[in-house]
Amino acid sequence: MGLWLVDADVLARSRFVLSPLIETVAALGVLSDERPEPWQRPWLAAHHPGYRRRLAGDEVARAWVDSVLRTRWMPEFVGMPPRPGESAFEQELARLRATPPDVARADVALSCRGAAPPELDRDDLPDRIADLLEWVWEHTVRNDWPRRARIFEADIVGRIHRQGRHGWASAIEGLIPDLRWLGDGRLRINTADRPARDLAGAELVLIPSSARRGWVAWDLPGRYAVVYPASGLLVEPGPGTAVPAALGRLLGATRAELLVRLDPPGSTSQLAALTGLGIGTVGDHLKVLLDARLVDRRRSGASVLYYRTRVADQLLAEQQN
């Protein structure tokens, strides 16, 4: 199996980061998904026609989507984590463009298991893929990035909160399908038959995204990453957001709905977007829940994120029994 050997120092340095480029790569995956999830359809309806026109005029982009994006292995030069100081999309994209052509071709060959299409065997491959990702960013992600970043931050706060309660293994539970903490410093990242990698001295970062499956990545020798599907991005309310009738009678329908939706934690503006209520209305209801000690709050970057207290979790659990 694929194992990362992670000692206590690596765990102590591990952290969550955001990456506009990684999210753009994930968005490209959603745009090219032949079987999108039902909750993705409104976003796709707005952006898919333009995306199809973009592909129609670019044989390199079509070959990339039809071959590389259909594999289970993200090419390293595209999927690697941001480096320290890289917080803007343009910074990350410039590094991708600077990839040596032979490195890009080797990454693609590995991803396609030696069967890469001839359209991708070219010296300007890094630039052509960067051009495609730049289009996806400008036309489908950039204007929505502040909202996505807030939801990513909410996901991070939720996982840190869970880590504080239940330990590091709980925080990474379910990040990607095959990832498991096996104990004794062993992190299983997949079931592939590959030699274990010793991460001693390296940094491990965890990157939330809208990717359907997520992936692992590295920037050797000192940086490893797990890109994972964040909770709540583009998701419409589903069965998990159903409000117990008795809770609605106790708290009022709106406050009960807000309490149910705070999994993962969220900001006032995020909750307003999800419920259709005004920000001021959401803030008033959260103040009541805060005073009742059913929610608490903490700052994450520029946002204030609300999360359920242990009392609220117990109250909801009782309603579901």
Protein backbone atom coordinates (compact mmCIF):
# COMPACT_ATOMS: atom_id res chain seq x y z
CA MET A 1 0.00 0.00 0.00
CA GLY A 2 1.03 3.66 -0.36
CA LEU A 3 2.34 4.83 3.01
CA TRP A 4 3.72 8.10 4.27
CA LEU A 5 5.84 7.81 7.40
CA VAL A 6 4.94 10.82 9.50
CA ASP A 7 6.79 11.54 12.75
CA ALA A 8 5.74 13.84 15.58
CA ASP A 9 7.68 16.81 14.16
CA VAL A 10 5.91 16.54 10.80
CA LEU A 11 2.54 16.39 12.55
CA ALA A 12 3.44 19.43 14.64
CA ARG A 13 4.29 21.42 11.50
CA SER A 14 1.32 20.20 9.43
CA ARG A 15 -1.23 22.85 8.54
CA PHE A 16 -4.14 23.73 6.32
CA VAL A 17 -3.59 26.12 3.40
CA LEU A 18 -5.71 27.55 0.58
CA SER A 19 -4.62 27.44 -3.05
CA PRO A 20 -6.40 29.33 -5.86
CA LEU A 21 -4.53 27.24 -8.45
CA ILE A 22 -5.47 23.93 -6.83
CA GLU A 23 -9.09 25.09 -6.73
CA THR A 24 -8.89 26.01 -10.42
CA VAL A 25 -7.56 22.54 -11.24
CA ALA A 26 -10.45 21.10 -9.23
CA ALA A 27 -12.95 23.33 -11.07
CA LEU A 28 -11.61 22.09 -14.40
CA GLY A 29 -12.29 18.57 -13.16
CA VAL A 30 -15.89 19.50 -12.32
CA LEU A 31 -16.36 21.13 -15.73
CA SER A 32 -15.14 17.99 -17.50
CA ASP A 33 -17.03 15.50 -15.32
CA GLU A 34 -19.33 13.36 -17.47
CA ARG A 35 -21.46 12.45 -14.45
CA PRO A 36 -21.70 15.57 -12.31
CA GLU A 37 -23.37 15.50 -8.95
CA PRO A 38 -26.91 16.97 -8.93
CA TRP A 39 -25.83 19.86 -6.68
CA GLN A 40 -23.17 20.89 -9.24
CA ARG A 41 -25.66 21.45 -12.03
CA PRO A 42 -26.59 25.11 -11.38
CA TRP A 43 -22.92 26.13 -11.46
CA LEU A 44 -22.28 23.98 -14.53
CA ALA A 45 -25.30 25.43 -16.35
CA ALA A 46 -23.75 28.88 -16.01
CA HIS A 47 -20.24 27.93 -17.13
CA HIS A 48 -20.34 24.78 -19.24
CA PRO A 49 -21.31 26.41 -22.59
CA GLY A 50 -18.32 28.75 -22.47
CA TYR A 51 -16.07 25.90 -21.41
CA ARG A 52 -17.15 23.76 -24.36
CA ARG A 53 -16.43 26.66 -26.74
CA ARG A 54 -12.99 27.05 -25.16
CA LEU A 55 -12.18 23.38 -25.73
CA ALA A 56 -13.48 23.42 -29.31
CA GLY A 57 -10.70 25.74 -30.38
CA ASP A 58 -7.81 24.05 -28.58
CA GLU A 59 -6.67 20.52 -29.44
CA VAL A 60 -4.14 20.47 -26.60
CA ALA A 61 -6.82 21.33 -24.05
CA ARG A 62 -9.15 18.68 -25.49
CA ALA A 63 -6.42 16.04 -25.32
CA TRP A 64 -5.66 17.01 -21.72
CA VAL A 65 -9.30 16.73 -20.69
CA ASP A 66 -9.94 13.51 -22.64
CA SER A 67 -6.84 11.70 -21.38
CA VAL A 68 -5.12 13.16 -18.30
CA LEU A 69 -8.30 14.18 -16.47
CA ARG A 70 -9.71 10.69 -16.97
CA THR A 71 -6.87 9.11 -15.01
CA ARG A 72 -6.57 8.68 -11.24
CA TRP A 73 -3.11 10.27 -11.03
CA MET A 74 -2.75 14.04 -11.18
CA PRO A 75 0.46 15.11 -13.01
CA GLU A 76 2.85 16.51 -10.43
CA PHE A 77 3.61 19.80 -12.19
CA VAL A 78 -0.09 20.72 -12.15
CA GLY A 79 -1.23 19.36 -8.79
CA MET A 80 1.65 20.33 -6.51
CA PRO A 81 1.00 22.45 -3.38
CA PRO A 82 1.75 26.17 -3.19
CA ARG A 83 5.10 27.19 -1.78
CA PRO A 84 5.49 29.55 1.19
CA GLY A 85 4.66 33.07 0.08
CA GLU A 86 2.52 31.95 -2.86
CA SER A 87 -0.96 33.18 -1.98
CA ALA A 88 -2.12 34.54 -5.35
CA PHE A 89 -3.22 32.58 -8.39
CA GLU A 90 -0.75 34.43 -10.59
CA GLN A 91 2.19 33.37 -8.40
CA GLU A 92 1.25 29.71 -8.54
CA LEU A 93 0.55 29.84 -12.28
CA ALA A 94 3.94 31.43 -12.99
CA ARG A 95 5.64 28.48 -11.29
CA LEU A 96 3.59 26.05 -13.39
CA ARG A 97 4.58 27.89 -16.59
CA ALA A 98 8.25 27.60 -15.60
CA THR A 99 8.09 23.78 -15.55
CA PRO A 100 10.74 22.31 -17.89
CA PRO A 101 9.01 20.68 -20.89
CA ASP A 102 10.68 17.30 -20.33
CA VAL A 103 9.44 17.26 -16.72
CA ALA A 104 5.89 18.05 -17.85
CA ARG A 105 5.99 15.32 -20.51
CA ALA A 106 7.29 12.79 -17.99
CA ASP A 107 4.53 13.69 -15.51
CA VAL A 108 1.89 13.26 -18.20
CA ALA A 109 3.35 9.94 -19.33
CA LEU A 110 3.22 8.67 -15.75
CA SER A 111 -0.36 9.87 -15.33
CA CYS A 112 -1.42 8.17 -18.57
CA ARG A 113 0.64 5.03 -17.83
CA GLY A 114 2.76 5.56 -20.93
CA ALA A 115 -0.18 6.15 -23.26
CA ALA A 116 -0.18 9.95 -23.47
CA PRO A 117 -1.77 11.34 -26.65
CA PRO A 118 0.63 12.84 -29.24
CA GLU A 119 -1.03 16.27 -28.90
CA LEU A 120 0.59 16.55 -25.45
CA ASP A 121 4.12 15.71 -26.61
CA ARG A 122 5.27 19.28 -27.13
CA ASP A 123 7.74 21.78 -25.68
CA ASP A 124 5.09 24.40 -24.92
CA LEU A 125 2.93 21.99 -22.89
CA PRO A 126 3.33 23.86 -19.56
CA ASP A 127 2.28 27.12 -21.22
CA ARG A 128 -0.70 25.54 -22.97
CA ILE A 129 -2.01 23.93 -19.78
CA ALA A 130 -1.38 27.17 -17.90
CA ASP A 131 -3.42 29.01 -20.55
CA LEU A 132 -6.31 26.58 -20.03
CA LEU A 133 -6.20 26.95 -16.25
CA GLU A 134 -5.97 30.73 -16.56
CA TRP A 135 -9.17 30.67 -18.63
CA VAL A 136 -10.94 28.50 -16.03
CA TRP A 137 -9.81 30.87 -13.26
CA GLU A 138 -10.87 34.06 -15.04
CA HIS A 139 -14.23 32.77 -16.28
CA THR A 140 -15.47 30.38 -13.60
CA VAL A 141 -13.56 30.73 -10.30
CA ARG A 142 -12.13 34.22 -9.79
CA ASN A 143 -15.37 36.07 -9.01
CA ASP A 144 -16.50 33.23 -6.75
CA TRP A 145 -13.17 32.80 -4.98
CA PRO A 146 -14.03 34.92 -1.89
CA ARG A 147 -17.12 32.77 -1.24
CA ARG A 148 -15.21 29.56 -1.80
CA ALA A 149 -12.40 30.72 0.45
CA ARG A 150 -14.90 31.42 3.24
CA ILE A 151 -16.33 27.93 2.91
CA PHE A 152 -12.84 26.41 2.87
CA GLU A 153 -12.02 28.35 6.02
CA ALA A 154 -15.20 27.01 7.61
CA ASP A 155 -14.18 23.49 6.71
CA ILE A 156 -10.73 24.06 8.20
CA VAL A 157 -12.14 25.46 11.45
CA GLY A 158 -14.45 22.46 11.70
CA ARG A 159 -11.57 20.03 11.29
CA ILE A 160 -9.38 21.90 13.77
CA HIS A 161 -12.28 21.88 16.20
CA ARG A 162 -12.67 18.12 15.69
CA GLN A 163 -8.91 17.68 16.15
CA GLY A 164 -9.11 19.47 19.47
CA ARG A 165 -11.84 17.13 20.63
CA HIS A 166 -10.82 13.82 19.16
CA GLY A 167 -7.20 14.08 17.97
CA TRP A 168 -5.31 14.49 14.72
CA ALA A 169 -6.57 11.22 13.22
CA SER A 170 -10.14 12.48 13.50
CA ALA A 171 -9.29 15.73 11.68
CA ILE A 172 -8.10 13.85 8.58
CA GLU A 173 -10.77 11.15 8.68
CA GLY A 174 -12.36 10.85 5.25
CA LEU A 175 -10.27 13.54 3.54
CA ILE A 176 -9.87 11.29 0.49
CA PRO A 177 -11.28 7.77 0.01
CA ASP A 178 -8.25 5.61 0.82
CA LEU A 179 -6.54 7.86 3.36
CA ARG A 180 -6.31 6.30 6.83
CA TRP A 181 -4.23 6.93 9.92
CA LEU A 182 -2.87 3.48 10.80
CA GLY A 183 -0.98 4.50 13.93
CA ASP A 184 2.73 4.20 14.70
CA GLY A 185 3.50 7.13 12.39
CA ARG A 186 1.92 5.49 9.34
CA LEU A 187 -0.45 7.43 7.09
CA ARG A 188 -1.97 5.33 4.31
CA ILE A 189 -2.63 7.58 1.32
CA ASN A 190 -3.79 4.94 -1.16
CA THR A 191 -3.79 1.21 -1.76
CA ALA A 192 -1.11 1.27 -4.46
CA ASP A 193 1.84 -1.10 -4.13
CA ARG A 194 4.60 1.51 -3.79
CA PRO A 195 7.51 1.95 -1.38
CA ALA A 196 6.77 3.97 1.74
CA ARG A 197 7.91 7.61 1.76
CA ASP A 198 9.59 8.97 4.87
CA LEU A 199 8.45 12.58 5.41
CA ALA A 200 10.97 13.30 8.19
CA GLY A 201 11.98 16.96 7.96
CA ALA A 202 9.26 17.75 5.41
CA GLU A 203 6.12 19.87 5.70
CA LEU A 204 2.66 18.35 5.30
CA VAL A 205 -0.15 20.64 4.12
CA LEU A 206 -3.85 19.91 3.74
CA ILE A 207 -5.70 21.79 0.99
CA PRO A 208 -9.51 21.96 0.77
CA SER A 209 -11.01 22.16 -2.71
CA SER A 210 -14.09 21.38 -4.80
CA ALA A 211 -12.39 18.29 -6.23
CA ARG A 212 -14.63 15.25 -6.41
CA ARG A 213 -12.01 12.77 -5.18
CA GLY A 214 -8.96 14.80 -4.22
CA TRP A 215 -5.36 13.73 -4.66
CA VAL A 216 -1.97 13.65 -2.98
CA ALA A 217 0.90 15.79 -4.21
CA TRP A 218 4.42 16.83 -3.41
CA ASP A 219 7.05 19.41 -4.18
CA LEU A 220 10.20 17.45 -3.44
CA PRO A 221 12.12 17.27 -1.29
CA GLY A 222 10.38 19.11 1.50
CA ARG A 223 6.66 19.61 0.88
CA TYR A 224 3.80 17.10 0.72
CA ALA A 225 0.08 17.74 0.40
CA VAL A 226 -3.33 16.13 0.56
CA VAL A 227 -5.90 17.90 -1.63
CA TYR A 228 -9.35 16.95 -0.42
CA PRO A 229 -13.04 17.72 -1.16
CA ALA A 230 -14.22 20.37 1.29
CA SER A 231 -17.57 20.15 2.99
CA GLY A 232 -20.25 22.49 1.74
CA LEU A 233 -18.81 23.91 -1.51
CA LEU A 234 -21.49 24.41 -4.20
CA VAL A 235 -23.68 22.03 -2.24
CA GLU A 236 -27.42 22.60 -2.11
CA PRO A 237 -29.25 21.64 1.08
CA GLY A 238 -29.73 17.90 1.27
CA PRO A 239 -31.21 15.33 3.65
CA GLY A 240 -28.48 16.05 6.21
CA THR A 241 -29.82 19.60 6.67
CA ALA A 242 -33.36 18.51 7.63
CA VAL A 243 -34.53 20.33 10.76
CA PRO A 244 -36.14 18.13 13.43
CA ALA A 245 -39.71 19.36 13.98
CA ALA A 246 -39.39 19.41 17.76
CA LEU A 247 -36.21 21.49 17.55
CA GLY A 248 -37.99 23.95 15.29
CA ARG A 249 -40.78 24.35 17.82
CA LEU A 250 -38.25 24.86 20.61
CA LEU A 251 -35.91 27.35 18.95
CA GLY A 252 -37.97 28.66 16.07
CA ALA A 253 -37.63 27.33 12.52
CA THR A 254 -34.92 29.77 11.41
CA ARG A 255 -32.65 29.34 14.43
CA ALA A 256 -33.05 25.59 14.28
CA GLU A 257 -32.09 25.59 10.59
CA LEU A 258 -29.01 27.73 11.25
CA LEU A 259 -27.96 25.38 14.03
CA VAL A 260 -28.33 22.34 11.77
CA ARG A 261 -26.38 24.04 8.98
CA LEU A 262 -23.37 24.77 11.18
CA ASP A 263 -21.70 21.52 10.19
CA PRO A 264 -19.11 22.50 9.07
CA PRO A 265 -18.80 25.90 10.81
CA GLY A 266 -19.77 28.91 8.75
CA SER A 267 -19.68 32.68 8.57
CA THR A 268 -22.68 35.00 8.68
CA SER A 269 -22.39 35.70 4.95
CA GLN A 270 -22.09 32.01 4.10
CA LEU A 271 -25.20 31.18 6.13
CA ALA A 272 -27.03 34.07 4.49
CA ALA A 273 -26.12 32.70 1.05
CA LEU A 274 -27.27 29.21 1.97
CA THR A 275 -30.58 30.27 3.54
CA GLY A 276 -31.55 33.27 1.44
CA LEU A 277 -31.89 35.40 4.59
CA GLY A 278 -30.37 38.83 5.00
CA ILE A 279 -26.99 39.08 6.71
CA GLY A 280 -28.47 41.20 9.45
CA THR A 281 -31.23 38.67 10.10
CA VAL A 282 -28.73 35.82 10.27
CA GLY A 283 -26.54 37.86 12.62
CA ASP A 284 -29.50 38.53 14.96
CA HIS A 285 -30.38 34.84 15.15
CA LEU A 286 -26.75 33.84 15.72
CA LYS A 287 -26.57 36.36 18.57
CA VAL A 288 -29.48 34.60 20.28
CA LEU A 289 -27.86 31.18 19.77
CA LEU A 290 -24.56 32.58 21.03
CA ASP A 291 -26.20 33.96 24.17
CA ALA A 292 -27.86 30.58 24.73
CA ARG A 293 -24.42 28.92 24.41
CA LEU A 294 -25.58 26.75 21.54
CA VAL A 295 -22.97 28.24 19.22
CA ASP A 296 -19.54 29.76 19.69
CA ARG A 297 -17.32 31.67 17.30
CA ARG A 298 -13.70 32.13 16.37
CA ARG A 299 -11.80 34.24 13.87
CA SER A 300 -10.25 32.62 10.78
CA GLY A 301 -8.36 35.13 8.67
CA ALA A 302 -10.72 37.99 7.88
CA SER A 303 -13.84 35.96 8.71
CA VAL A 304 -15.64 35.14 11.94
CA LEU A 305 -16.85 31.55 11.83
CA TYR A 306 -19.62 30.15 14.02
CA TYR A 307 -19.70 26.54 15.17
CA ARG A 308 -21.94 24.41 17.34
CA THR A 309 -21.05 23.86 20.97
CA ARG A 310 -20.98 20.46 22.60
CA VAL A 311 -24.41 21.20 24.12
CA ALA A 312 -25.85 21.87 20.66
CA ASP A 313 -24.31 18.68 19.25
CA GLN A 314 -25.87 16.69 22.08
CA LEU A 315 -29.23 18.39 21.55
CA LEU A 316 -29.22 17.50 17.85
CA ALA A 317 -28.09 13.95 18.55
CA GLU A 318 -31.03 13.47 20.92
CA GLN A 319 -33.42 14.69 18.22
CA GLN A 320 -32.09 12.11 15.75
CA ASN A 321 -32.46 9.14 18.13
